[in-house]
Amino acid sequence: MGLLFFLRNAPIFLLDLDVMFITEVNKIKKVIIGLSVAIVAIALYLHHHEKGFYD
C-alpha cells in the first residue's frame, strides 16, 4: 500500500474507521445496559427471596 494511495483514500478510510468505532461503542453500551439490568434483576430476585416474598 503506497503512501499516495493511502493519502488519496485517507478520508474514506477514516470515515469507515469512525463508523466502525461508533458501532463498537453502541455494542459496548448495549452490553453494559444489559449487564446492569441483569444484575439489578438478580439482586431484586435474591432480595425478595430472602424476605420470603414468594412463600
N, C-alpha and C. Protein backbone atom coordinates (compact mmCIF):
# COMPACT_ATOMS: atom_id res chain seq x y z
N MET A 1 0.86 -1.19 0.00
CA MET A 1 0.00 0.00 0.00
C MET A 1 0.89 1.24 0.00
N GLY A 2 0.87 1.96 -1.09
CA GLY A 2 1.71 3.15 -1.22
C GLY A 2 1.19 4.34 -0.44
N LEU A 3 2.07 5.28 -0.20
CA LEU A 3 1.72 6.48 0.56
C LEU A 3 0.70 7.34 -0.20
N LEU A 4 0.88 7.47 -1.52
CA LEU A 4 -0.06 8.24 -2.33
C LEU A 4 -1.45 7.63 -2.29
N PHE A 5 -1.50 6.32 -2.41
CA PHE A 5 -2.77 5.59 -2.35
C PHE A 5 -3.45 5.85 -1.00
N PHE A 6 -2.68 5.77 0.07
CA PHE A 6 -3.21 6.00 1.42
C PHE A 6 -3.75 7.43 1.57
N LEU A 7 -2.96 8.41 1.11
CA LEU A 7 -3.37 9.82 1.23
C LEU A 7 -4.63 10.11 0.43
N ARG A 8 -4.73 9.50 -0.74
CA ARG A 8 -5.91 9.71 -1.59
C ARG A 8 -7.15 9.09 -0.94
N ASN A 9 -6.97 7.96 -0.28
CA ASN A 9 -8.10 7.25 0.31
C ASN A 9 -8.26 7.47 1.81
N ALA A 10 -7.42 8.32 2.40
CA ALA A 10 -7.47 8.57 3.84
C ALA A 10 -8.84 9.03 4.33
N PRO A 11 -9.48 10.01 3.67
CA PRO A 11 -10.79 10.46 4.17
C PRO A 11 -11.81 9.31 4.24
N ILE A 12 -11.85 8.47 3.21
CA ILE A 12 -12.77 7.33 3.16
C ILE A 12 -12.42 6.35 4.28
N PHE A 13 -11.13 6.08 4.40
CA PHE A 13 -10.64 5.15 5.42
C PHE A 13 -10.98 5.63 6.83
N LEU A 14 -10.74 6.92 7.08
CA LEU A 14 -11.02 7.48 8.41
C LEU A 14 -12.51 7.49 8.70
N LEU A 15 -13.32 7.79 7.69
CA LEU A 15 -14.77 7.79 7.85
C LEU A 15 -15.24 6.38 8.19
N ASP A 16 -14.71 5.40 7.49
CA ASP A 16 -15.04 3.99 7.72
C ASP A 16 -14.66 3.59 9.14
N LEU A 17 -13.49 4.02 9.58
CA LEU A 17 -12.98 3.73 10.92
C LEU A 17 -13.90 4.36 11.96
N ASP A 18 -14.34 5.58 11.69
CA ASP A 18 -15.24 6.31 12.58
C ASP A 18 -16.57 5.57 12.73
N VAL A 19 -17.12 5.13 11.61
CA VAL A 19 -18.38 4.38 11.62
C VAL A 19 -18.22 3.09 12.41
N MET A 20 -17.10 2.39 12.17
CA MET A 20 -16.81 1.16 12.90
C MET A 20 -16.72 1.43 14.39
N PHE A 21 -16.05 2.52 14.76
CA PHE A 21 -15.88 2.90 16.16
C PHE A 21 -17.24 3.18 16.82
N ILE A 22 -18.10 3.92 16.12
CA ILE A 22 -19.43 4.26 16.63
C ILE A 22 -20.24 2.98 16.88
N THR A 23 -20.19 2.05 15.93
CA THR A 23 -20.95 0.80 16.10
C THR A 23 -20.39 -0.01 17.27
N GLU A 24 -19.07 -0.01 17.43
CA GLU A 24 -18.45 -0.72 18.57
C GLU A 24 -18.90 -0.10 19.89
N VAL A 25 -18.91 1.23 19.96
CA VAL A 25 -19.34 1.93 21.18
C VAL A 25 -20.79 1.59 21.49
N ASN A 26 -21.65 1.56 20.46
CA ASN A 26 -23.06 1.22 20.66
C ASN A 26 -23.20 -0.21 21.17
N LYS A 27 -22.40 -1.14 20.61
CA LYS A 27 -22.42 -2.54 21.08
C LYS A 27 -22.03 -2.61 22.54
N ILE A 28 -20.96 -1.89 22.90
CA ILE A 28 -20.47 -1.89 24.29
C ILE A 28 -21.54 -1.30 25.22
N LYS A 29 -22.19 -0.22 24.80
CA LYS A 29 -23.25 0.40 25.59
C LYS A 29 -24.38 -0.59 25.83
N LYS A 30 -24.79 -1.31 24.78
CA LYS A 30 -25.86 -2.31 24.90
C LYS A 30 -25.48 -3.41 25.87
N VAL A 31 -24.23 -3.85 25.80
CA VAL A 31 -23.74 -4.91 26.71
C VAL A 31 -23.77 -4.40 28.16
N ILE A 32 -23.30 -3.17 28.38
CA ILE A 32 -23.27 -2.59 29.73
C ILE A 32 -24.70 -2.44 30.27
N ILE A 33 -25.61 -1.94 29.44
CA ILE A 33 -27.01 -1.78 29.86
C ILE A 33 -27.61 -3.15 30.18
N GLY A 34 -27.36 -4.12 29.32
CA GLY A 34 -27.86 -5.49 29.53
C GLY A 34 -27.35 -6.08 30.83
N LEU A 35 -26.07 -5.91 31.10
CA LEU A 35 -25.47 -6.42 32.34
C LEU A 35 -26.07 -5.72 33.56
N SER A 36 -26.24 -4.42 33.48
CA SER A 36 -26.81 -3.65 34.59
C SER A 36 -28.23 -4.14 34.90
N VAL A 37 -29.04 -4.31 33.87
CA VAL A 37 -30.41 -4.79 34.04
C VAL A 37 -30.41 -6.18 34.68
N ALA A 38 -29.54 -7.06 34.17
CA ALA A 38 -29.44 -8.43 34.70
C ALA A 38 -29.03 -8.41 36.18
N ILE A 39 -28.04 -7.60 36.53
CA ILE A 39 -27.57 -7.51 37.92
C ILE A 39 -28.69 -7.00 38.83
N VAL A 40 -29.39 -5.97 38.41
CA VAL A 40 -30.50 -5.41 39.20
C VAL A 40 -31.60 -6.46 39.37
N ALA A 41 -31.94 -7.14 38.28
CA ALA A 41 -32.98 -8.17 38.33
C ALA A 41 -32.60 -9.29 39.30
N ILE A 42 -31.36 -9.76 39.22
CA ILE A 42 -30.88 -10.83 40.11
C ILE A 42 -30.88 -10.34 41.57
N ALA A 43 -30.40 -9.13 41.78
CA ALA A 43 -30.35 -8.56 43.13
C ALA A 43 -31.76 -8.46 43.73
N LEU A 44 -32.70 -7.96 42.95
CA LEU A 44 -34.10 -7.84 43.42
C LEU A 44 -34.69 -9.21 43.71
N TYR A 45 -34.44 -10.15 42.82
CA TYR A 45 -34.95 -11.51 42.98
C TYR A 45 -34.42 -12.12 44.28
N LEU A 46 -33.11 -12.01 44.50
CA LEU A 46 -32.49 -12.56 45.71
C LEU A 46 -33.00 -11.84 46.96
N HIS A 47 -33.13 -10.53 46.85
CA HIS A 47 -33.61 -9.73 47.98
C HIS A 47 -35.02 -10.16 48.38
N HIS A 48 -35.91 -10.31 47.41
CA HIS A 48 -37.28 -10.73 47.67
C HIS A 48 -37.31 -12.17 48.18
N HIS A 49 -36.43 -12.98 47.64
CA HIS A 49 -36.38 -14.39 48.01
C HIS A 49 -35.97 -14.55 49.47
N GLU A 50 -35.01 -13.72 49.90
CA GLU A 50 -34.53 -13.76 51.28
C GLU A 50 -35.64 -13.35 52.26
N LYS A 51 -36.45 -12.39 51.86
CA LYS A 51 -37.53 -11.91 52.72
C LYS A 51 -38.70 -12.91 52.78
N GLY A 52 -38.66 -13.92 51.91
CA GLY A 52 -39.77 -14.86 51.84
C GLY A 52 -40.94 -14.26 51.09
N PHE A 53 -40.63 -13.42 50.12
CA PHE A 53 -41.63 -12.70 49.33
C PHE A 53 -42.49 -13.67 48.52
N TYR A 54 -41.91 -14.79 48.07
CA TYR A 54 -42.63 -15.74 47.22
C TYR A 54 -43.26 -16.88 48.01
N ASP A 55 -43.06 -16.91 49.33
CA ASP A 55 -43.58 -18.03 50.13
C ASP A 55 -45.07 -17.88 50.43
